[in-house]
């Protein structure tokens, strides 16, 4: 079970770090190796594009999302 993450949006940079941490903790199973996109300086944007592509090509089932929630 994932630990609860303390959300910190005190600055743009801290908000990005918080979002990245949250995504890593909660969606790594669904994203697989794509999670490594978050290591890039523009990782959130890259991952967003990749997820949109995944949805178009493969679809994301509710079952997969519930599994990580």
PDB file of N, CA and C in Angstrom:
ATOM      1  N   UNK A   1       0.848  -1.178   0.000  1.00  0.00           N
ATOM      2  CA  UNK A   1       0.000   0.000   0.000  1.00  0.00           C
ATOM      3  C   UNK A   1       0.892   1.239   0.000  1.00  0.00           C
ATOM      4  N   UNK A   2       0.516   2.234  -0.768  1.00  0.00           N
ATOM      5  CA  UNK A   2       1.289   3.464  -0.875  1.00  0.00           C
ATOM      6  C   UNK A   2       1.145   4.314   0.369  1.00  0.00           C
ATOM      7  N   UNK A   3       2.211   5.054   0.652  1.00  0.00           N
ATOM      8  CA  UNK A   3       2.148   6.020   1.743  1.00  0.00           C
ATOM      9  C   UNK A   3       1.400   7.242   1.250  1.00  0.00           C
ATOM     10  N   UNK A   4       0.748   7.932   2.169  1.00  0.00           N
ATOM     11  CA  UNK A   4       0.083   9.169   1.803  1.00  0.00           C
ATOM     12  C   UNK A   4       1.151  10.230   1.572  1.00  0.00           C
ATOM     13  N   UNK A   5       1.033  10.948   0.480  1.00  0.00           N
ATOM     14  CA  UNK A   5       2.006  11.979   0.129  1.00  0.00           C
ATOM     15  C   UNK A   5       1.469  13.324   0.596  1.00  0.00           C
ATOM     16  N   UNK A   6       2.324  14.081   1.248  1.00  0.00           N
ATOM     17  CA  UNK A   6       1.973  15.428   1.668  1.00  0.00           C
ATOM     18  C   UNK A   6       2.070  16.342   0.447  1.00  0.00           C
ATOM     19  N   UNK A   7       0.951  16.887   0.023  1.00  0.00           N
ATOM     20  CA  UNK A   7       0.942  17.751  -1.150  1.00  0.00           C
ATOM     21  C   UNK A   7       1.511  19.114  -0.787  1.00  0.00           C
ATOM     22  N   UNK A   8       2.419  19.580  -1.613  1.00  0.00           N
ATOM     23  CA  UNK A   8       3.079  20.864  -1.367  1.00  0.00           C
ATOM     24  C   UNK A   8       3.106  21.638  -2.679  1.00  0.00           C
ATOM     25  N   UNK A   9       2.281  22.647  -2.773  1.00  0.00           N
ATOM     26  CA  UNK A   9       2.222  23.471  -3.972  1.00  0.00           C
ATOM     27  C   UNK A   9       2.685  24.897  -3.666  1.00  0.00           C
ATOM     28  N   UNK A  10       3.681  25.006  -2.792  1.00  0.00           N
ATOM     29  CA  UNK A  10       4.166  26.318  -2.364  1.00  0.00           C
ATOM     30  C   UNK A  10       4.918  27.062  -3.465  1.00  0.00           C
ATOM     31  N   UNK A  11       5.401  26.338  -4.457  1.00  0.00           N
ATOM     32  CA  UNK A  11       6.056  26.954  -5.607  1.00  0.00           C
ATOM     33  C   UNK A  11       5.812  26.056  -6.813  1.00  0.00           C
ATOM     34  N   UNK A  12       6.046  26.582  -7.995  1.00  0.00           N
ATOM     35  CA  UNK A  12       5.866  25.780  -9.208  1.00  0.00           C
ATOM     36  C   UNK A  12       6.766  24.550  -9.191  1.00  0.00           C
ATOM     37  N   UNK A  13       8.002  24.742  -8.785  1.00  0.00           N
ATOM     38  CA  UNK A  13       8.953  23.621  -8.759  1.00  0.00           C
ATOM     39  C   UNK A  13       8.524  22.559  -7.750  1.00  0.00           C
ATOM     40  N   UNK A  14       8.093  22.983  -6.590  1.00  0.00           N
ATOM     41  CA  UNK A  14       7.664  22.012  -5.573  1.00  0.00           C
ATOM     42  C   UNK A  14       6.383  21.299  -6.018  1.00  0.00           C
ATOM     43  N   UNK A  15       5.503  22.007  -6.714  1.00  0.00           N
ATOM     44  CA  UNK A  15       4.283  21.382  -7.235  1.00  0.00           C
ATOM     45  C   UNK A  15       4.639  20.284  -8.237  1.00  0.00           C
ATOM     46  N   UNK A  16       5.605  20.551  -9.120  1.00  0.00           N
ATOM     47  CA  UNK A  16       6.049  19.540 -10.089  1.00  0.00           C
ATOM     48  C   UNK A  16       6.636  18.334  -9.367  1.00  0.00           C
ATOM     49  N   UNK A  17       7.474  18.586  -8.389  1.00  0.00           N
ATOM     50  CA  UNK A  17       8.087  17.489  -7.631  1.00  0.00           C
ATOM     51  C   UNK A  17       7.020  16.650  -6.930  1.00  0.00           C
ATOM     52  N   UNK A  18       6.022  17.311  -6.368  1.00  0.00           N
ATOM     53  CA  UNK A  18       4.938  16.610  -5.681  1.00  0.00           C
ATOM     54  C   UNK A  18       4.145  15.754  -6.656  1.00  0.00           C
ATOM     55  N   UNK A  19       3.826  16.297  -7.833  1.00  0.00           N
ATOM     56  CA  UNK A  19       3.087  15.537  -8.835  1.00  0.00           C
ATOM     57  C   UNK A  19       3.877  14.325  -9.311  1.00  0.00           C
ATOM     58  N   UNK A  20       5.170  14.518  -9.542  1.00  0.00           N
ATOM     59  CA  UNK A  20       6.018  13.416  -9.986  1.00  0.00           C
ATOM     60  C   UNK A  20       6.062  12.321  -8.929  1.00  0.00           C
ATOM     61  N   UNK A  21       6.222  12.699  -7.681  1.00  0.00           N
ATOM     62  CA  UNK A  21       6.252  11.726  -6.589  1.00  0.00           C
ATOM     63  C   UNK A  21       4.932  10.968  -6.511  1.00  0.00           C
ATOM     64  N   UNK A  22       3.825  11.684  -6.638  1.00  0.00           N
ATOM     65  CA  UNK A  22       2.506  11.063  -6.581  1.00  0.00           C
ATOM     66  C   UNK A  22       2.321  10.058  -7.724  1.00  0.00           C
ATOM     67  N   UNK A  23       2.709  10.451  -8.919  1.00  0.00           N
ATOM     68  CA  UNK A  23       2.581   9.567 -10.078  1.00  0.00           C
ATOM     69  C   UNK A  23       3.433   8.323  -9.897  1.00  0.00           C
ATOM     70  N   UNK A  24       4.666   8.490  -9.452  1.00  0.00           N
ATOM     71  CA  UNK A  24       5.546   7.334  -9.220  1.00  0.00           C
ATOM     72  C   UNK A  24       4.941   6.366  -8.205  1.00  0.00           C
ATOM     73  N   UNK A  25       4.404   6.913  -7.123  1.00  0.00           N
ATOM     74  CA  UNK A  25       3.853   6.086  -6.044  1.00  0.00           C
ATOM     75  C   UNK A  25       2.579   5.352  -6.452  1.00  0.00           C
ATOM     76  N   UNK A  26       1.769   5.972  -7.308  1.00  0.00           N
ATOM     77  CA  UNK A  26       0.435   5.449  -7.560  1.00  0.00           C
ATOM     78  C   UNK A  26       0.204   4.844  -8.943  1.00  0.00           C
ATOM     79  N   UNK A  27       1.066   5.126  -9.902  1.00  0.00           N
ATOM     80  CA  UNK A  27       0.787   4.676 -11.261  1.00  0.00           C
ATOM     81  C   UNK A  27       1.926   3.907 -11.918  1.00  0.00           C
ATOM     82  N   UNK A  28       2.950   3.550 -11.177  1.00  0.00           N
ATOM     83  CA  UNK A  28       4.080   2.837 -11.791  1.00  0.00           C
ATOM     84  C   UNK A  28       3.657   1.485 -12.353  1.00  0.00           C
ATOM     85  N   UNK A  29       2.707   0.794 -11.715  1.00  0.00           N
ATOM     86  CA  UNK A  29       2.240  -0.495 -12.223  1.00  0.00           C
ATOM     87  C   UNK A  29       1.572  -0.355 -13.589  1.00  0.00           C
ATOM     88  N   UNK A  30       0.762   0.663 -13.737  1.00  0.00           N
ATOM     89  CA  UNK A  30       0.044   0.880 -14.992  1.00  0.00           C
ATOM     90  C   UNK A  30       0.999   1.370 -16.082  1.00  0.00           C
ATOM     91  N   UNK A  31       1.928   2.239 -15.711  1.00  0.00           N
ATOM     92  CA  UNK A  31       2.804   2.867 -16.699  1.00  0.00           C
ATOM     93  C   UNK A  31       4.015   2.017 -17.071  1.00  0.00           C
ATOM     94  N   UNK A  32       4.417   1.109 -16.219  1.00  0.00           N
ATOM     95  CA  UNK A  32       5.583   0.278 -16.511  1.00  0.00           C
ATOM     96  C   UNK A  32       6.825   1.126 -16.705  1.00  0.00           C
ATOM     97  N   UNK A  33       7.606   0.797 -17.741  1.00  0.00           N
ATOM     98  CA  UNK A  33       8.851   1.526 -18.010  1.00  0.00           C
ATOM     99  C   UNK A  33       8.627   2.983 -18.406  1.00  0.00           C
ATOM    100  N   UNK A  34       7.416   3.318 -18.798  1.00  0.00           N
ATOM    101  CA  UNK A  34       7.122   4.712 -19.174  1.00  0.00           C
ATOM    102  C   UNK A  34       7.315   5.655 -17.993  1.00  0.00           C
ATOM    103  N   UNK A  35       7.281   5.117 -16.791  1.00  0.00           N
ATOM    104  CA  UNK A  35       7.457   5.937 -15.592  1.00  0.00           C
ATOM    105  C   UNK A  35       8.804   6.657 -15.622  1.00  0.00           C
ATOM    106  N   UNK A  36       9.776   6.082 -16.323  1.00  0.00           N
ATOM    107  CA  UNK A  36      11.112   6.686 -16.411  1.00  0.00           C
ATOM    108  C   UNK A  36      11.123   7.991 -17.182  1.00  0.00           C
ATOM    109  N   UNK A  37      10.077   8.277 -17.924  1.00  0.00           N
ATOM    110  CA  UNK A  37       9.980   9.571 -18.605  1.00  0.00           C
ATOM    111  C   UNK A  37      10.016  10.717 -17.600  1.00  0.00           C
ATOM    112  N   UNK A  38       9.587  10.449 -16.383  1.00  0.00           N
ATOM    113  CA  UNK A  38       9.566  11.496 -15.356  1.00  0.00           C
ATOM    114  C   UNK A  38      10.967  11.960 -14.967  1.00  0.00           C
ATOM    115  N   UNK A  39      11.991  11.212 -15.352  1.00  0.00           N
ATOM    116  CA  UNK A  39      13.367  11.604 -15.036  1.00  0.00           C
ATOM    117  C   UNK A  39      13.865  12.741 -15.928  1.00  0.00           C
ATOM    118  N   UNK A  40      13.202  12.964 -17.053  1.00  0.00           N
ATOM    119  CA  UNK A  40      13.605  14.034 -17.972  1.00  0.00           C
ATOM    120  C   UNK A  40      13.173  15.387 -17.414  1.00  0.00           C
ATOM    121  N   UNK A  41      13.881  16.458 -17.792  1.00  0.00           N
ATOM    122  CA  UNK A  41      13.506  17.797 -17.316  1.00  0.00           C
ATOM    123  C   UNK A  41      12.051  18.153 -17.648  1.00  0.00           C
ATOM    124  N   UNK A  42      11.556  17.695 -18.783  1.00  0.00           N
ATOM    125  CA  UNK A  42      10.170  17.939 -19.169  1.00  0.00           C
ATOM    126  C   UNK A  42       9.351  16.647 -19.051  1.00  0.00           C
ATOM    127  N   UNK A  43       9.660  15.874 -18.026  1.00  0.00           N
ATOM    128  CA  UNK A  43       9.076  14.551 -17.847  1.00  0.00           C
ATOM    129  C   UNK A  43       7.565  14.520 -17.723  1.00  0.00           C
ATOM    130  N   UNK A  44       6.988  15.483 -17.016  1.00  0.00           N
ATOM    131  CA  UNK A  44       5.524  15.499 -16.887  1.00  0.00           C
ATOM    132  C   UNK A  44       4.864  15.676 -18.249  1.00  0.00           C
ATOM    133  N   UNK A  45       5.414  16.547 -19.053  1.00  0.00           N
ATOM    134  CA  UNK A  45       4.859  16.782 -20.380  1.00  0.00           C
ATOM    135  C   UNK A  45       5.018  15.536 -21.255  1.00  0.00           C
ATOM    136  N   UNK A  46       6.209  14.916 -21.196  1.00  0.00           N
ATOM    137  CA  UNK A  46       6.446  13.699 -21.976  1.00  0.00           C
ATOM    138  C   UNK A  46       5.500  12.581 -21.558  1.00  0.00           C
ATOM    139  N   UNK A  47       5.326  12.415 -20.267  1.00  0.00           N
ATOM    140  CA  UNK A  47       4.449  11.366 -19.770  1.00  0.00           C
ATOM    141  C   UNK A  47       3.002  11.648 -20.163  1.00  0.00           C
ATOM    142  N   UNK A  48       2.600  12.893 -20.108  1.00  0.00           N
ATOM    143  CA  UNK A  48       1.244  13.264 -20.517  1.00  0.00           C
ATOM    144  C   UNK A  48       1.002  12.877 -21.973  1.00  0.00           C
ATOM    145  N   UNK A  49       1.951  13.175 -22.846  1.00  0.00           N
ATOM    146  CA  UNK A  49       1.833  12.797 -24.254  1.00  0.00           C
ATOM    147  C   UNK A  49       1.759  11.282 -24.408  1.00  0.00           C
ATOM    148  N   UNK A  50       2.586  10.580 -23.667  1.00  0.00           N
ATOM    149  CA  UNK A  50       2.631   9.123 -23.742  1.00  0.00           C
ATOM    150  C   UNK A  50       1.316   8.497 -23.258  1.00  0.00           C
ATOM    151  N   UNK A  51       0.765   9.026 -22.185  1.00  0.00           N
ATOM    152  CA  UNK A  51      -0.503   8.506 -21.667  1.00  0.00           C
ATOM    153  C   UNK A  51      -1.626   8.768 -22.666  1.00  0.00           C
ATOM    154  N   UNK A  52      -1.642   9.925 -23.263  1.00  0.00           N
ATOM    155  CA  UNK A  52      -2.663  10.213 -24.286  1.00  0.00           C
ATOM    156  C   UNK A  52      -2.542   9.230 -25.441  1.00  0.00           C
ATOM    157  N   UNK A  53      -1.316   8.911 -25.831  1.00  0.00           N
ATOM    158  CA  UNK A  53      -1.086   7.938 -26.898  1.00  0.00           C
ATOM    159  C   UNK A  53      -1.561   6.549 -26.461  1.00  0.00           C
ATOM    160  N   UNK A  54      -1.265   6.170 -25.230  1.00  0.00           N
ATOM    161  CA  UNK A  54      -1.704   4.876 -24.704  1.00  0.00           C
ATOM    162  C   UNK A  54      -3.227   4.756 -24.758  1.00  0.00           C
ATOM    163  N   UNK A  55      -3.905   5.800 -24.356  1.00  0.00           N
ATOM    164  CA  UNK A  55      -5.363   5.783 -24.343  1.00  0.00           C
ATOM    165  C   UNK A  55      -5.894   5.636 -25.765  1.00  0.00           C
ATOM    166  N   UNK A  56      -5.298   6.349 -26.708  1.00  0.00           N
ATOM    167  CA  UNK A  56      -5.737   6.252 -28.101  1.00  0.00           C
ATOM    168  C   UNK A  56      -5.512   4.852 -28.661  1.00  0.00           C
ATOM    169  N   UNK A  57      -4.337   4.286 -28.390  1.00  0.00           N
ATOM    170  CA  UNK A  57      -3.973   3.006 -28.993  1.00  0.00           C
ATOM    171  C   UNK A  57      -4.511   1.800 -28.236  1.00  0.00           C
ATOM    172  N   UNK A  58      -4.371   1.815 -26.923  1.00  0.00           N
ATOM    173  CA  UNK A  58      -4.669   0.639 -26.127  1.00  0.00           C
ATOM    174  C   UNK A  58      -5.908   0.799 -25.262  1.00  0.00           C
ATOM    175  N   UNK A  59      -6.221   2.025 -24.934  1.00  0.00           N
ATOM    176  CA  UNK A  59      -7.266   2.267 -23.963  1.00  0.00           C
ATOM    177  C   UNK A  59      -6.734   1.949 -22.569  1.00  0.00           C
ATOM    178  N   UNK A  60      -7.287   2.538 -21.582  1.00  0.00           N
ATOM    179  CA  UNK A  60      -6.946   2.225 -20.196  1.00  0.00           C
ATOM    180  C   UNK A  60      -8.223   1.728 -19.547  1.00  0.00           C
ATOM    181  N   UNK A  61      -8.189   0.523 -19.076  1.00  0.00           N
ATOM    182  CA  UNK A  61      -9.393  -0.037 -18.469  1.00  0.00           C
ATOM    183  C   UNK A  61      -9.553   0.491 -17.051  1.00  0.00           C
ATOM    184  N   UNK A  62     -10.779   0.552 -16.620  1.00  0.00           N
ATOM    185  CA  UNK A  62     -11.075   0.943 -15.245  1.00  0.00           C
ATOM    186  C   UNK A  62     -10.408  -0.016 -14.282  1.00  0.00           C
ATOM    187  N   UNK A  63     -10.356  -1.283 -14.655  1.00  0.00           N
ATOM    188  CA  UNK A  63      -9.730  -2.299 -13.813  1.00  0.00           C
ATOM    189  C   UNK A  63      -8.277  -1.945 -13.511  1.00  0.00           C
ATOM    190  N   UNK A  64      -7.552  -1.490 -14.521  1.00  0.00           N
ATOM    191  CA  UNK A  64      -6.143  -1.129 -14.319  1.00  0.00           C
ATOM    192  C   UNK A  64      -6.025   0.066 -13.388  1.00  0.00           C
ATOM    193  N   UNK A  65      -6.899   1.040 -13.529  1.00  0.00           N
ATOM    194  CA  UNK A  65      -6.828   2.229 -12.692  1.00  0.00           C
ATOM    195  C   UNK A  65      -7.208   1.920 -11.252  1.00  0.00           C
ATOM    196  N   UNK A  66      -8.200   1.076 -11.058  1.00  0.00           N
ATOM    197  CA  UNK A  66      -8.607   0.710  -9.702  1.00  0.00           C
ATOM    198  C   UNK A  66      -7.483  -0.060  -9.004  1.00  0.00           C
ATOM    199  N   UNK A  67      -6.759  -0.861  -9.754  1.00  0.00           N
ATOM    200  CA  UNK A  67      -5.684  -1.666  -9.205  1.00  0.00           C
ATOM    201  C   UNK A  67      -4.649  -0.819  -8.481  1.00  0.00           C
ATOM    202  N   UNK A  68      -4.372   0.393  -8.981  1.00  0.00           N
ATOM    203  CA  UNK A  68      -3.333   1.230  -8.379  1.00  0.00           C
ATOM    204  C   UNK A  68      -3.885   2.264  -7.410  1.00  0.00           C
ATOM    205  N   UNK A  69      -5.169   2.426  -7.391  1.00  0.00           N
ATOM    206  CA  UNK A  69      -5.782   3.450  -6.525  1.00  0.00           C
ATOM    207  C   UNK A  69      -5.773   3.029  -5.072  1.00  0.00           C
TER     208      UNK A  69
END
